[in-house]
Amino acid sequence: MLFDVGILFKIGAMGILLMVIEKVLEANGKKEIASLANLAGVVIILVTVIGMVANLFDTVKTMFTL
């Protein structure tokens, strides 16, 4: 199967974890570190999505034998 629904749950869980980490760090007065952690999490999620899109393009390329 090309697209696994479990990936969506993993991305959602990473987003929730990022929100919790950000709130805890901001409550302790570490706003800069919270922003940095948030940025790192977004980059990790984007790398995951980019990998999925690349896999999709490869599949389309092989389907149409381009």
PDB file of N, CA and C in Angstrom:
ATOM      1  N   MET A   1       0.847  -1.180   0.000  1.00  0.00           N
ATOM      2  CA  MET A   1       0.000   0.000   0.000  1.00  0.00           C
ATOM      3  C   MET A   1       0.890   1.239   0.000  1.00  0.00           C
ATOM      4  N   LEU A   2       0.591   2.165  -0.882  1.00  0.00           N
ATOM      5  CA  LEU A   2       1.432   3.352  -1.040  1.00  0.00           C
ATOM      6  C   LEU A   2       1.318   4.299   0.148  1.00  0.00           C
ATOM      7  N   PHE A   3       0.102   4.563   0.574  1.00  0.00           N
ATOM      8  CA  PHE A   3      -0.106   5.554   1.617  1.00  0.00           C
ATOM      9  C   PHE A   3      -0.623   4.867   2.867  1.00  0.00           C
ATOM     10  N   ASP A   4       0.127   4.963   3.929  1.00  0.00           N
ATOM     11  CA  ASP A   4      -0.249   4.341   5.184  1.00  0.00           C
ATOM     12  C   ASP A   4      -0.878   5.386   6.092  1.00  0.00           C
ATOM     13  N   VAL A   5      -2.032   5.087   6.637  1.00  0.00           N
ATOM     14  CA  VAL A   5      -2.738   6.028   7.508  1.00  0.00           C
ATOM     15  C   VAL A   5      -1.960   6.235   8.804  1.00  0.00           C
ATOM     16  N   GLY A   6      -1.137   5.289   9.167  1.00  0.00           N
ATOM     17  CA  GLY A   6      -0.327   5.417  10.375  1.00  0.00           C
ATOM     18  C   GLY A   6       0.607   6.615  10.331  1.00  0.00           C
ATOM     19  N   ILE A   7       1.035   7.002   9.128  1.00  0.00           N
ATOM     20  CA  ILE A   7       1.890   8.185   8.974  1.00  0.00           C
ATOM     21  C   ILE A   7       1.147   9.430   9.448  1.00  0.00           C
ATOM     22  N   LEU A   8      -0.140   9.524   9.121  1.00  0.00           N
ATOM     23  CA  LEU A   8      -0.922  10.678   9.573  1.00  0.00           C
ATOM     24  C   LEU A   8      -0.982  10.743  11.093  1.00  0.00           C
ATOM     25  N   PHE A   9      -1.147   9.591  11.728  1.00  0.00           N
ATOM     26  CA  PHE A   9      -1.190   9.567  13.182  1.00  0.00           C
ATOM     27  C   PHE A   9       0.158   9.943  13.783  1.00  0.00           C
ATOM     28  N   LYS A  10       1.242   9.513  13.147  1.00  0.00           N
ATOM     29  CA  LYS A  10       2.579   9.878  13.630  1.00  0.00           C
ATOM     30  C   LYS A  10       2.810  11.379  13.521  1.00  0.00           C
ATOM     31  N   ILE A  11       2.391  11.976  12.405  1.00  0.00           N
ATOM     32  CA  ILE A  11       2.552  13.420  12.225  1.00  0.00           C
ATOM     33  C   ILE A  11       1.700  14.166  13.243  1.00  0.00           C
ATOM     34  N   GLY A  12       0.490  13.691  13.476  1.00  0.00           N
ATOM     35  CA  GLY A  12      -0.373  14.311  14.480  1.00  0.00           C
ATOM     36  C   GLY A  12       0.209  14.198  15.881  1.00  0.00           C
ATOM     37  N   ALA A  13       0.761  13.040  16.198  1.00  0.00           N
ATOM     38  CA  ALA A  13       1.373  12.846  17.516  1.00  0.00           C
ATOM     39  C   ALA A  13       2.594  13.746  17.691  1.00  0.00           C
ATOM     40  N   MET A  14       3.380  13.898  16.624  1.00  0.00           N
ATOM     41  CA  MET A  14       4.534  14.800  16.704  1.00  0.00           C
ATOM     42  C   MET A  14       4.074  16.236  16.930  1.00  0.00           C
ATOM     43  N   GLY A  15       2.990  16.633  16.280  1.00  0.00           N
ATOM     44  CA  GLY A  15       2.457  17.979  16.467  1.00  0.00           C
ATOM     45  C   GLY A  15       1.991  18.214  17.891  1.00  0.00           C
ATOM     46  N   ILE A  16       1.292  17.235  18.459  1.00  0.00           N
ATOM     47  CA  ILE A  16       0.827  17.354  19.847  1.00  0.00           C
ATOM     48  C   ILE A  16       2.010  17.408  20.792  1.00  0.00           C
ATOM     49  N   LEU A  17       3.011  16.568  20.557  1.00  0.00           N
ATOM     50  CA  LEU A  17       4.207  16.573  21.397  1.00  0.00           C
ATOM     51  C   LEU A  17       4.933  17.910  21.315  1.00  0.00           C
ATOM     52  N   LEU A  18       4.990  18.487  20.125  1.00  0.00           N
ATOM     53  CA  LEU A  18       5.617  19.801  19.966  1.00  0.00           C
ATOM     54  C   LEU A  18       4.881  20.870  20.760  1.00  0.00           C
ATOM     55  N   MET A  19       3.552  20.823  20.737  1.00  0.00           N
ATOM     56  CA  MET A  19       2.777  21.807  21.492  1.00  0.00           C
ATOM     57  C   MET A  19       3.035  21.676  22.988  1.00  0.00           C
ATOM     58  N   VAL A  20       3.086  20.444  23.484  1.00  0.00           N
ATOM     59  CA  VAL A  20       3.330  20.223  24.914  1.00  0.00           C
ATOM     60  C   VAL A  20       4.712  20.722  25.310  1.00  0.00           C
ATOM     61  N   ILE A  21       5.723  20.380  24.501  1.00  0.00           N
ATOM     62  CA  ILE A  21       7.085  20.827  24.800  1.00  0.00           C
ATOM     63  C   ILE A  21       7.161  22.350  24.796  1.00  0.00           C
ATOM     64  N   GLU A  22       6.504  22.978  23.816  1.00  0.00           N
ATOM     65  CA  GLU A  22       6.534  24.435  23.736  1.00  0.00           C
ATOM     66  C   GLU A  22       5.880  25.078  24.955  1.00  0.00           C
ATOM     67  N   LYS A  23       4.741  24.553  25.390  1.00  0.00           N
ATOM     68  CA  LYS A  23       4.047  25.122  26.548  1.00  0.00           C
ATOM     69  C   LYS A  23       4.859  24.948  27.825  1.00  0.00           C
ATOM     70  N   VAL A  24       5.490  23.792  27.989  1.00  0.00           N
ATOM     71  CA  VAL A  24       6.304  23.551  29.188  1.00  0.00           C
ATOM     72  C   VAL A  24       7.509  24.483  29.217  1.00  0.00           C
ATOM     73  N   LEU A  25       8.176  24.633  28.081  1.00  0.00           N
ATOM     74  CA  LEU A  25       9.348  25.506  28.044  1.00  0.00           C
ATOM     75  C   LEU A  25       8.961  26.970  28.233  1.00  0.00           C
ATOM     76  N   GLU A  26       7.850  27.398  27.646  1.00  0.00           N
ATOM     77  CA  GLU A  26       7.427  28.783  27.821  1.00  0.00           C
ATOM     78  C   GLU A  26       7.012  29.053  29.261  1.00  0.00           C
ATOM     79  N   ALA A  27       6.418  28.067  29.928  1.00  0.00           N
ATOM     80  CA  ALA A  27       6.025  28.233  31.329  1.00  0.00           C
ATOM     81  C   ALA A  27       7.247  28.372  32.232  1.00  0.00           C
ATOM     82  N   ASN A  28       8.365  27.805  31.820  1.00  0.00           N
ATOM     83  CA  ASN A  28       9.599  27.902  32.605  1.00  0.00           C
ATOM     84  C   ASN A  28      10.462  29.080  32.184  1.00  0.00           C
ATOM     85  N   GLY A  29       9.944  29.930  31.310  1.00  0.00           N
ATOM     86  CA  GLY A  29      10.668  31.128  30.919  1.00  0.00           C
ATOM     87  C   GLY A  29      11.732  30.917  29.858  1.00  0.00           C
ATOM     88  N   LYS A  30      11.655  29.859  29.140  1.00  0.00           N
ATOM     89  CA  LYS A  30      12.649  29.563  28.099  1.00  0.00           C
ATOM     90  C   LYS A  30      11.998  29.670  26.727  1.00  0.00           C
ATOM     91  N   LYS A  31      11.554  30.876  26.409  1.00  0.00           N
ATOM     92  CA  LYS A  31      10.819  31.099  25.161  1.00  0.00           C
ATOM     93  C   LYS A  31      11.690  30.858  23.933  1.00  0.00           C
ATOM     94  N   GLU A  32      12.985  31.221  23.998  1.00  0.00           N
ATOM     95  CA  GLU A  32      13.873  31.034  22.848  1.00  0.00           C
ATOM     96  C   GLU A  32      14.068  29.553  22.544  1.00  0.00           C
ATOM     97  N   ILE A  33      14.253  28.753  23.585  1.00  0.00           N
ATOM     98  CA  ILE A  33      14.447  27.317  23.389  1.00  0.00           C
ATOM     99  C   ILE A  33      13.150  26.683  22.886  1.00  0.00           C
ATOM    100  N   ALA A  34      12.008  27.191  23.357  1.00  0.00           N
ATOM    101  CA  ALA A  34      10.720  26.685  22.886  1.00  0.00           C
ATOM    102  C   ALA A  34      10.556  26.944  21.390  1.00  0.00           C
ATOM    103  N   SER A  35      10.955  28.127  20.953  1.00  0.00           N
ATOM    104  CA  SER A  35      10.867  28.449  19.523  1.00  0.00           C
ATOM    105  C   SER A  35      11.801  27.559  18.710  1.00  0.00           C
ATOM    106  N   LEU A  36      12.995  27.326  19.232  1.00  0.00           N
ATOM    107  CA  LEU A  36      13.960  26.471  18.536  1.00  0.00           C
ATOM    108  C   LEU A  36      13.462  25.026  18.452  1.00  0.00           C
ATOM    109  N   ALA A  37      12.870  24.526  19.536  1.00  0.00           N
ATOM    110  CA  ALA A  37      12.326  23.164  19.534  1.00  0.00           C
ATOM    111  C   ALA A  37      11.162  23.061  18.547  1.00  0.00           C
ATOM    112  N   ASN A  38      10.349  24.098  18.503  1.00  0.00           N
ATOM    113  CA  ASN A  38       9.218  24.119  17.576  1.00  0.00           C
ATOM    114  C   ASN A  38       9.716  24.105  16.130  1.00  0.00           C
ATOM    115  N   LEU A  39      10.723  24.887  15.840  1.00  0.00           N
ATOM    116  CA  LEU A  39      11.294  24.924  14.494  1.00  0.00           C
ATOM    117  C   LEU A  39      11.892  23.572  14.111  1.00  0.00           C
ATOM    118  N   ALA A  40      12.599  22.943  15.036  1.00  0.00           N
ATOM    119  CA  ALA A  40      13.190  21.633  14.756  1.00  0.00           C
ATOM    120  C   ALA A  40      12.102  20.596  14.479  1.00  0.00           C
ATOM    121  N   GLY A  41      11.016  20.649  15.227  1.00  0.00           N
ATOM    122  CA  GLY A  41       9.914  19.718  15.006  1.00  0.00           C
ATOM    123  C   GLY A  41       9.258  19.913  13.660  1.00  0.00           C
ATOM    124  N   VAL A  42       9.074  21.158  13.267  1.00  0.00           N
ATOM    125  CA  VAL A  42       8.472  21.443  11.964  1.00  0.00           C
ATOM    126  C   VAL A  42       9.373  20.935  10.842  1.00  0.00           C
ATOM    127  N   VAL A  43      10.676  21.091  10.994  1.00  0.00           N
ATOM    128  CA  VAL A  43      11.616  20.594   9.982  1.00  0.00           C
ATOM    129  C   VAL A  43      11.528  19.067   9.878  1.00  0.00           C
ATOM    130  N   ILE A  44      11.437  18.392  11.012  1.00  0.00           N
ATOM    131  CA  ILE A  44      11.332  16.931  11.001  1.00  0.00           C
ATOM    132  C   ILE A  44      10.054  16.492  10.290  1.00  0.00           C
ATOM    133  N   ILE A  45       8.948  17.174  10.571  1.00  0.00           N
ATOM    134  CA  ILE A  45       7.684  16.834   9.925  1.00  0.00           C
ATOM    135  C   ILE A  45       7.765  17.108   8.419  1.00  0.00           C
ATOM    136  N   LEU A  46       8.378  18.223   8.033  1.00  0.00           N
ATOM    137  CA  LEU A  46       8.506  18.534   6.607  1.00  0.00           C
ATOM    138  C   LEU A  46       9.363  17.514   5.878  1.00  0.00           C
ATOM    139  N   VAL A  47      10.422  17.037   6.508  1.00  0.00           N
ATOM    140  CA  VAL A  47      11.265  16.015   5.881  1.00  0.00           C
ATOM    141  C   VAL A  47      10.450  14.744   5.655  1.00  0.00           C
ATOM    142  N   THR A  48       9.605  14.395   6.618  1.00  0.00           N
ATOM    143  CA  THR A  48       8.749  13.217   6.467  1.00  0.00           C
ATOM    144  C   THR A  48       7.790  13.386   5.300  1.00  0.00           C
ATOM    145  N   VAL A  49       7.159  14.553   5.209  1.00  0.00           N
ATOM    146  CA  VAL A  49       6.194  14.803   4.134  1.00  0.00           C
ATOM    147  C   VAL A  49       6.893  14.857   2.782  1.00  0.00           C
ATOM    148  N   ILE A  50       8.062  15.464   2.722  1.00  0.00           N
ATOM    149  CA  ILE A  50       8.802  15.534   1.458  1.00  0.00           C
ATOM    150  C   ILE A  50       9.180  14.137   0.977  1.00  0.00           C
ATOM    151  N   GLY A  51       9.554  13.265   1.898  1.00  0.00           N
ATOM    152  CA  GLY A  51       9.849  11.883   1.526  1.00  0.00           C
ATOM    153  C   GLY A  51       8.641  11.178   0.957  1.00  0.00           C
ATOM    154  N   MET A  52       7.458  11.439   1.537  1.00  0.00           N
ATOM    155  CA  MET A  52       6.235  10.832   1.022  1.00  0.00           C
ATOM    156  C   MET A  52       5.898  11.360  -0.369  1.00  0.00           C
ATOM    157  N   VAL A  53       6.085  12.657  -0.593  1.00  0.00           N
ATOM    158  CA  VAL A  53       5.796  13.246  -1.905  1.00  0.00           C
ATOM    159  C   VAL A  53       6.776  12.702  -2.947  1.00  0.00           C
ATOM    160  N   ALA A  54       8.037  12.541  -2.593  1.00  0.00           N
ATOM    161  CA  ALA A  54       9.021  11.974  -3.526  1.00  0.00           C
ATOM    162  C   ALA A  54       8.641  10.546  -3.897  1.00  0.00           C
ATOM    163  N   ASN A  55       8.178   9.790  -2.911  1.00  0.00           N
ATOM    164  CA  ASN A  55       7.737   8.423  -3.186  1.00  0.00           C
ATOM    165  C   ASN A  55       6.530   8.428  -4.122  1.00  0.00           C
ATOM    166  N   LEU A  56       5.625   9.367  -3.923  1.00  0.00           N
ATOM    167  CA  LEU A  56       4.463   9.493  -4.809  1.00  0.00           C
ATOM    168  C   LEU A  56       4.884   9.786  -6.244  1.00  0.00           C
ATOM    169  N   PHE A  57       5.833  10.727  -6.423  1.00  0.00           N
ATOM    170  CA  PHE A  57       6.298  11.056  -7.766  1.00  0.00           C
ATOM    171  C   PHE A  57       6.974   9.867  -8.428  1.00  0.00           C
ATOM    172  N   ASP A  58       7.748   9.100  -7.661  1.00  0.00           N
ATOM    173  CA  ASP A  58       8.376   7.901  -8.214  1.00  0.00           C
ATOM    174  C   ASP A  58       7.336   6.892  -8.675  1.00  0.00           C
ATOM    175  N   THR A  59       6.289   6.745  -7.881  1.00  0.00           N
ATOM    176  CA  THR A  59       5.229   5.801  -8.244  1.00  0.00           C
ATOM    177  C   THR A  59       4.503   6.251  -9.502  1.00  0.00           C
ATOM    178  N   VAL A  60       4.203   7.530  -9.600  1.00  0.00           N
ATOM    179  CA  VAL A  60       3.528   8.042 -10.800  1.00  0.00           C
ATOM    180  C   VAL A  60       4.424   7.884 -12.025  1.00  0.00           C
ATOM    181  N   LYS A  61       5.725   8.126 -11.826  1.00  0.00           N
ATOM    182  CA  LYS A  61       6.661   7.977 -12.942  1.00  0.00           C
ATOM    183  C   LYS A  61       6.694   6.536 -13.433  1.00  0.00           C
ATOM    184  N   THR A  62       6.693   5.568 -12.538  1.00  0.00           N
ATOM    185  CA  THR A  62       6.733   4.177 -12.964  1.00  0.00           C
ATOM    186  C   THR A  62       5.399   3.728 -13.552  1.00  0.00           C
ATOM    187  N   MET A  63       4.303   4.331 -13.087  1.00  0.00           N
ATOM    188  CA  MET A  63       2.991   3.958 -13.652  1.00  0.00           C
ATOM    189  C   MET A  63       2.888   4.373 -15.112  1.00  0.00           C
ATOM    190  N   PHE A  64       3.391   5.540 -15.429  1.00  0.00           N
ATOM    191  CA  PHE A  64       3.298   6.032 -16.797  1.00  0.00           C
ATOM    192  C   PHE A  64       4.576   5.788 -17.589  1.00  0.00           C
ATOM    193  N   THR A  65       5.508   5.089 -17.006  1.00  0.00           N
ATOM    194  CA  THR A  65       6.795   4.752 -17.616  1.00  0.00           C
ATOM    195  C   THR A  65       7.432   5.935 -18.317  1.00  0.00           C
ATOM    196  N   LEU A  66       7.615   7.001 -17.549  1.00  0.00           N
ATOM    197  CA  LEU A  66       8.247   8.213 -18.093  1.00  0.00           C
ATOM    198  C   LEU A  66       9.749   8.170 -17.899  1.00  0.00           C
TER     199      LEU A  66
END
